[in-house]
Amino acid sequence: MEAETVADLDRKRYGVVNAWKDSPKPHKAIITVVVAYILMTTMVHLVSWARHEIPLRPEAVAFAMLSMLALVIWHSVMVKGARQTVAFFLIAWAISWFCEFTGHNYAWFFGHYKYTDTLYPRIGGVPVLIIVTWSVVIYAAFMLVNWLVGMRGEQRVRSWWGKALWATLIAAATATMVTAWDMMVDPFATSRVWMEAAGKKPWWYWEGGPYLKELGVWKGEGGVPIGNFVGWWLAPFFIVLIFYVIGEKRDVITGKLVNTGPLLVYAFVYLTVVGVVLQMNWFENGMNQVALIGTFTMMPVILVGVVKMVWDYT
């Protein structure tokens, strides 16, 4: 125990510069690309504010999320290993597609909604981009929990019941962080601002619900149904629960700068949406409420992650 304490103190004095210097090139590449995306997104938002134009381009979103998917898969292969990576993403894609398929076609999982023809290609009516986005955000949230708690993928309980309880806690924390993002995404994706500012249909539309019902939607009446957020919580919950019970093993890499990658990805998906939502307020009063909600649901986790990073490397 004493040796571990000394090692921890040495690492804390190690510093982020030395941690960067000692990182292998693939680790540096992941961190560099995500930071570059954050900086580019910030610049896009600043230019959009200066020109008073909203960057509502689905193709840009698709490119960004596909890039993030490649990065998180790469990160997972290095940190979790190839087998765990395959298991996690297959589970994530299969469950998220099934939930979206039943929701879009039968109004069963999330409520009454329909995808428009804005996002293509689609499988069974479900845009591939949506499935990609699910897996990126769920992985970032799951591995952020893993890093914040310092679990390193370890399972300290041996009994089946203990393992199931621990998996339930991790899955619940991950699902809550994912749903926090959707508190912004759903009003953003269904707003009539898409038609007013970009001449494009929103990504999908609801039959109506009580969440932010005062905001203007493209089609239907009212806002987002509460059942949508229940569905958004349940899907990542079961994805992580199943993976943790059948596939979770100790991380291959721990205590390295690359382990902060999920924090950066989670911050990126927050920044991407919150900037556009604030600009949407130019066309629809009240969208700033969406940004406020998203900020106070996602930002606490991001700030705790920043505090941990500073603590570990100063």
Protein backbone atom coordinates (compact mmCIF):
# COMPACT_ATOMS: atom_id res chain seq x y z
CA MET A 1 0.00 0.00 0.00
CA GLU A 2 2.87 2.34 0.85
CA ALA A 3 4.58 1.62 -2.49
CA GLU A 4 1.39 2.50 -4.36
CA THR A 5 1.11 5.78 -2.51
CA VAL A 6 4.67 6.77 -3.41
CA ALA A 7 4.04 5.83 -7.04
CA ASP A 8 0.91 7.97 -7.09
CA LEU A 9 2.79 10.94 -5.65
CA ASP A 10 5.57 10.54 -8.20
CA ARG A 11 3.02 10.46 -11.02
CA LYS A 12 1.34 13.60 -9.72
CA ARG A 13 4.69 15.39 -9.79
CA TYR A 14 5.37 13.98 -13.23
CA GLY A 15 3.62 16.79 -15.07
CA VAL A 16 1.60 16.88 -18.27
CA VAL A 17 4.63 17.88 -20.39
CA ASN A 18 6.59 14.80 -19.38
CA ALA A 19 3.48 12.66 -19.75
CA TRP A 20 3.12 13.99 -23.29
CA LYS A 21 6.79 13.39 -24.12
CA ASP A 22 6.61 9.81 -22.89
CA SER A 23 3.39 9.04 -24.76
CA PRO A 24 3.74 6.82 -27.85
CA LYS A 25 2.93 8.42 -31.19
CA PRO A 26 -0.51 6.74 -31.50
CA HIS A 27 -1.48 8.15 -28.09
CA LYS A 28 -0.34 11.61 -29.13
CA ALA A 29 -2.23 11.31 -32.39
CA ILE A 30 -5.56 10.61 -30.67
CA ILE A 31 -5.18 13.49 -28.23
CA THR A 32 -3.99 15.85 -30.98
CA VAL A 33 -6.88 15.08 -33.33
CA VAL A 34 -9.59 15.50 -30.69
CA VAL A 35 -8.05 18.76 -29.43
CA ALA A 36 -7.81 19.95 -33.05
CA TYR A 37 -11.51 19.19 -33.55
CA ILE A 38 -12.36 21.13 -30.40
CA LEU A 39 -10.34 24.13 -31.61
CA MET A 40 -11.82 23.95 -35.12
CA THR A 41 -15.34 23.72 -33.73
CA THR A 42 -14.67 26.76 -31.56
CA MET A 43 -13.42 28.68 -34.60
CA VAL A 44 -16.50 27.67 -36.62
CA HIS A 45 -18.77 28.94 -33.84
CA LEU A 46 -16.85 32.23 -33.60
CA VAL A 47 -17.01 32.80 -37.35
CA SER A 48 -20.71 31.92 -37.37
CA TRP A 49 -21.35 34.42 -34.60
CA ALA A 50 -19.41 37.10 -36.50
CA ARG A 51 -21.32 36.43 -39.74
CA HIS A 52 -24.63 35.78 -38.00
CA GLU A 53 -25.03 32.50 -39.87
CA ILE A 54 -25.84 29.15 -38.26
CA PRO A 55 -23.68 26.22 -39.46
CA LEU A 56 -26.61 23.82 -39.96
CA ARG A 57 -24.92 21.30 -42.24
CA PRO A 58 -25.77 17.61 -41.71
CA GLU A 59 -22.81 16.58 -43.86
CA ALA A 60 -20.43 18.39 -41.47
CA VAL A 61 -22.03 16.61 -38.51
CA ALA A 62 -21.69 13.27 -40.32
CA PHE A 63 -18.00 13.89 -41.05
CA ALA A 64 -17.31 14.90 -37.44
CA MET A 65 -19.11 11.92 -35.91
CA LEU A 66 -17.55 9.41 -38.31
CA SER A 67 -14.17 10.88 -37.40
CA MET A 68 -14.99 10.54 -33.70
CA LEU A 69 -16.11 6.95 -34.29
CA ALA A 70 -12.75 6.10 -35.86
CA LEU A 71 -10.97 7.75 -32.93
CA VAL A 72 -12.95 6.04 -30.17
CA ILE A 73 -12.54 2.64 -31.85
CA TRP A 74 -8.81 3.30 -32.12
CA HIS A 75 -8.76 4.42 -28.49
CA SER A 76 -10.70 1.34 -27.43
CA VAL A 77 -8.36 -1.05 -29.25
CA MET A 78 -5.38 0.47 -27.45
CA VAL A 79 -6.97 0.83 -24.00
CA LYS A 80 -9.43 -2.09 -23.86
CA GLY A 81 -8.00 -4.47 -26.45
CA ALA A 82 -9.39 -5.75 -29.74
CA ARG A 83 -11.80 -8.34 -28.34
CA GLN A 84 -13.43 -5.96 -25.89
CA THR A 85 -13.65 -3.32 -28.61
CA VAL A 86 -15.48 -5.66 -30.97
CA ALA A 87 -17.81 -6.77 -28.18
CA PHE A 88 -18.62 -3.24 -27.02
CA PHE A 89 -19.37 -1.72 -30.41
CA LEU A 90 -21.32 -4.70 -31.72
CA ILE A 91 -23.52 -4.57 -28.62
CA ALA A 92 -23.88 -0.80 -28.92
CA TRP A 93 -24.77 -0.85 -32.62
CA ALA A 94 -27.19 -3.77 -32.33
CA ILE A 95 -29.15 -2.47 -29.35
CA SER A 96 -29.23 1.17 -30.47
CA TRP A 97 -30.38 0.19 -33.97
CA PHE A 98 -33.08 -2.11 -32.57
CA CYS A 99 -34.38 0.64 -30.27
CA GLU A 100 -34.39 3.23 -33.05
CA PHE A 101 -35.99 0.79 -35.50
CA THR A 102 -38.86 -0.02 -33.16
CA GLY A 103 -39.23 3.63 -32.27
CA HIS A 104 -39.29 4.96 -35.82
CA ASN A 105 -41.47 2.20 -37.26
CA TYR A 106 -43.71 1.26 -34.34
CA ALA A 107 -43.46 4.15 -31.83
CA TRP A 108 -42.53 1.59 -29.19
CA PHE A 109 -39.30 2.57 -27.44
CA PHE A 110 -38.97 6.37 -27.47
CA GLY A 111 -42.47 7.50 -28.37
CA HIS A 112 -44.19 8.71 -31.52
CA TYR A 113 -41.56 10.11 -33.88
CA LYS A 114 -40.48 9.79 -37.49
CA TYR A 115 -37.17 10.42 -39.23
CA THR A 116 -37.24 12.79 -42.19
CA ASP A 117 -35.22 12.36 -45.38
CA THR A 118 -32.48 14.75 -44.18
CA LEU A 119 -30.13 12.06 -42.87
CA TYR A 120 -28.98 9.31 -45.22
CA PRO A 121 -28.15 6.46 -45.64
CA ARG A 122 -30.71 4.59 -43.54
CA ILE A 123 -31.22 0.97 -42.49
CA GLY A 124 -34.80 0.03 -41.73
CA GLY A 125 -35.65 3.71 -41.67
CA VAL A 126 -32.91 4.49 -39.12
CA PRO A 127 -30.10 6.82 -40.27
CA VAL A 128 -26.66 5.24 -39.97
CA LEU A 129 -25.41 8.54 -38.52
CA ILE A 130 -27.71 8.10 -35.53
CA ILE A 131 -26.27 4.67 -34.73
CA VAL A 132 -22.74 6.02 -35.13
CA THR A 133 -23.52 8.89 -32.77
CA TRP A 134 -25.02 6.55 -30.17
CA SER A 135 -21.86 4.45 -30.02
CA VAL A 136 -19.52 7.46 -29.86
CA VAL A 137 -21.34 9.16 -27.00
CA ILE A 138 -21.91 5.93 -25.05
CA TYR A 139 -18.26 4.91 -25.33
CA ALA A 140 -17.06 8.37 -24.29
CA ALA A 141 -19.40 8.41 -21.28
CA PHE A 142 -18.57 4.84 -20.23
CA MET A 143 -14.81 5.29 -20.45
CA LEU A 144 -15.05 8.69 -18.77
CA VAL A 145 -16.69 7.01 -15.79
CA ASN A 146 -13.98 4.34 -15.90
CA TRP A 147 -11.23 7.01 -15.86
CA LEU A 148 -12.82 9.31 -13.27
CA VAL A 149 -13.35 6.51 -10.78
CA GLY A 150 -9.97 4.97 -11.54
CA MET A 151 -11.48 1.54 -12.21
CA ARG A 152 -9.02 0.60 -14.99
CA GLY A 153 -11.61 -1.92 -16.12
CA GLU A 154 -11.20 -3.93 -12.94
CA GLN A 155 -14.01 -5.86 -11.29
CA ARG A 156 -13.33 -6.09 -7.56
CA VAL A 157 -16.30 -8.29 -6.76
CA ARG A 158 -16.36 -12.03 -7.38
CA SER A 159 -19.93 -13.04 -6.62
CA TRP A 160 -22.49 -12.96 -9.41
CA TRP A 161 -24.76 -10.63 -7.43
CA GLY A 162 -21.92 -8.30 -6.56
CA LYS A 163 -20.80 -8.16 -10.17
CA ALA A 164 -24.36 -7.48 -11.32
CA LEU A 165 -24.81 -4.67 -8.78
CA TRP A 166 -21.52 -3.03 -9.73
CA ALA A 167 -22.39 -3.32 -13.43
CA THR A 168 -25.78 -1.71 -12.71
CA LEU A 169 -24.12 1.27 -11.02
CA ILE A 170 -21.66 1.82 -13.88
CA ALA A 171 -24.41 1.42 -16.48
CA ALA A 172 -26.67 3.89 -14.64
CA ALA A 173 -23.89 6.51 -14.42
CA THR A 174 -23.09 6.10 -18.12
CA ALA A 175 -26.75 6.26 -19.17
CA THR A 176 -27.29 9.46 -17.19
CA MET A 177 -24.31 11.14 -18.86
CA VAL A 178 -25.56 10.11 -22.31
CA THR A 179 -29.10 11.33 -21.63
CA ALA A 180 -27.71 14.66 -20.43
CA TRP A 181 -26.47 15.22 -23.98
CA ASP A 182 -29.87 14.39 -25.46
CA MET A 183 -31.45 17.13 -23.33
CA MET A 184 -29.93 19.45 -25.94
CA VAL A 185 -29.92 17.23 -29.01
CA ASP A 186 -33.64 16.55 -29.28
CA PRO A 187 -34.76 20.21 -29.27
CA PHE A 188 -31.86 21.01 -31.62
CA ALA A 189 -32.69 18.22 -34.09
CA THR A 190 -36.45 18.88 -34.23
CA SER A 191 -36.46 22.69 -34.28
CA ARG A 192 -38.17 24.54 -37.12
CA VAL A 193 -35.06 26.73 -37.29
CA TRP A 194 -33.69 24.13 -39.71
CA MET A 195 -36.29 25.22 -42.26
CA GLU A 196 -35.99 28.92 -41.49
CA ALA A 197 -32.20 29.18 -41.44
CA ALA A 198 -31.01 26.37 -43.70
CA GLY A 199 -34.01 25.36 -45.82
CA LYS A 200 -33.70 21.77 -44.60
CA LYS A 201 -36.10 19.55 -42.72
CA PRO A 202 -35.15 18.75 -39.13
CA TRP A 203 -33.71 15.30 -38.52
CA TRP A 204 -36.95 13.89 -37.07
CA TYR A 205 -40.24 15.12 -35.64
CA TRP A 206 -42.40 14.24 -32.65
CA GLU A 207 -46.14 14.01 -32.23
CA GLY A 208 -45.67 16.22 -29.19
CA GLY A 209 -44.71 16.13 -25.54
CA PRO A 210 -44.26 18.29 -22.42
CA TYR A 211 -40.49 18.90 -22.52
CA LEU A 212 -39.86 22.46 -23.79
CA LYS A 213 -43.22 22.46 -25.53
CA GLU A 214 -43.07 26.24 -25.90
CA LEU A 215 -40.30 25.95 -28.48
CA GLY A 216 -41.14 25.94 -32.15
CA VAL A 217 -41.03 22.52 -33.79
CA TRP A 218 -41.12 21.78 -37.48
CA LYS A 219 -44.06 19.42 -37.38
CA GLY A 220 -46.53 18.26 -34.75
CA GLU A 221 -47.52 20.06 -31.59
CA GLY A 222 -45.70 20.63 -28.34
CA GLY A 223 -42.23 19.54 -27.38
CA VAL A 224 -40.46 16.25 -26.67
CA PRO A 225 -42.22 13.41 -24.80
CA ILE A 226 -40.73 12.31 -21.50
CA GLY A 227 -40.67 8.74 -22.80
CA ASN A 228 -37.92 9.78 -25.20
CA PHE A 229 -35.53 10.45 -22.34
CA VAL A 230 -36.56 7.23 -20.62
CA GLY A 231 -35.61 5.43 -23.82
CA TRP A 232 -32.37 7.37 -24.13
CA TRP A 233 -31.49 6.31 -20.58
CA LEU A 234 -32.50 2.66 -20.95
CA ALA A 235 -30.65 1.99 -24.22
CA PRO A 236 -27.14 2.92 -23.02
CA PHE A 237 -27.94 1.40 -19.63
CA PHE A 238 -28.51 -2.05 -21.13
CA ILE A 239 -25.63 -1.66 -23.60
CA VAL A 240 -23.14 -1.02 -20.80
CA LEU A 241 -24.77 -3.52 -18.44
CA ILE A 242 -24.54 -6.36 -20.96
CA PHE A 243 -20.99 -5.47 -21.96
CA TYR A 244 -19.83 -5.15 -18.37
CA VAL A 245 -21.30 -8.48 -17.33
CA ILE A 246 -20.03 -10.52 -20.28
CA GLY A 247 -17.03 -8.65 -21.68
CA GLU A 248 -15.39 -6.22 -19.27
CA LYS A 249 -11.77 -6.97 -18.39
CA ARG A 250 -8.86 -4.99 -17.00
CA ASP A 251 -7.67 -2.21 -19.30
CA VAL A 252 -4.54 -2.85 -21.33
CA ILE A 253 -3.29 0.70 -20.75
CA THR A 254 -3.78 2.65 -17.52
CA GLY A 255 -2.37 5.81 -16.01
CA LYS A 256 -1.44 7.33 -19.39
CA LEU A 257 -2.39 10.63 -20.97
CA VAL A 258 -4.39 8.79 -23.64
CA ASN A 259 -6.84 7.71 -20.92
CA THR A 260 -8.11 11.31 -20.90
CA GLY A 261 -9.34 10.88 -24.49
CA PRO A 262 -13.00 10.14 -23.56
CA LEU A 263 -13.12 13.38 -21.56
CA LEU A 264 -12.08 15.31 -24.66
CA VAL A 265 -14.61 13.48 -26.85
CA TYR A 266 -17.41 14.13 -24.35
CA ALA A 267 -16.41 17.81 -24.21
CA PHE A 268 -16.39 17.91 -28.02
CA VAL A 269 -19.93 16.57 -28.41
CA TYR A 270 -21.09 19.10 -25.82
CA LEU A 271 -19.37 22.01 -27.55
CA THR A 272 -20.63 20.98 -30.99
CA VAL A 273 -24.28 21.16 -29.98
CA VAL A 274 -24.30 23.98 -27.44
CA GLY A 275 -22.77 26.49 -29.86
CA VAL A 276 -25.35 25.81 -32.57
CA VAL A 277 -28.23 25.83 -30.07
CA LEU A 278 -27.20 29.28 -28.84
CA GLN A 279 -27.14 30.54 -32.43
CA MET A 280 -30.58 29.05 -33.05
CA ASN A 281 -31.87 31.53 -30.52
CA TRP A 282 -31.51 34.20 -33.22
CA PHE A 283 -34.48 32.59 -34.99
CA GLU A 284 -36.39 31.01 -32.12
CA ASN A 285 -36.53 32.66 -28.71
CA GLY A 286 -36.10 30.11 -25.97
CA MET A 287 -33.38 27.96 -27.53
CA ASN A 288 -31.00 29.46 -24.98
CA GLN A 289 -32.94 27.39 -22.42
CA VAL A 290 -31.74 24.29 -24.24
CA ALA A 291 -28.14 25.46 -24.00
CA LEU A 292 -28.59 26.24 -20.31
CA ILE A 293 -30.02 22.79 -19.59
CA GLY A 294 -27.27 21.06 -21.55
CA THR A 295 -24.58 23.08 -19.84
CA PHE A 296 -25.73 22.31 -16.32
CA THR A 297 -26.20 18.60 -17.07
CA MET A 298 -22.96 17.96 -18.97
CA MET A 299 -20.56 20.61 -17.71
CA PRO A 300 -20.28 19.31 -14.10
CA VAL A 301 -18.89 16.01 -15.40
CA ILE A 302 -16.54 17.78 -17.80
CA LEU A 303 -15.25 20.08 -15.07
CA VAL A 304 -14.72 17.19 -12.65
CA GLY A 305 -12.71 15.52 -15.42
CA VAL A 306 -10.61 18.66 -15.90
CA VAL A 307 -10.01 18.85 -12.14
CA LYS A 308 -8.85 15.22 -12.13
CA MET A 309 -6.54 15.81 -15.10
CA VAL A 310 -4.97 18.87 -13.46
CA TRP A 311 -4.62 16.99 -10.17
CA ASP A 312 -2.98 13.99 -11.85
CA TYR A 313 -0.50 15.97 -13.93
CA THR A 314 0.56 18.95 -11.80
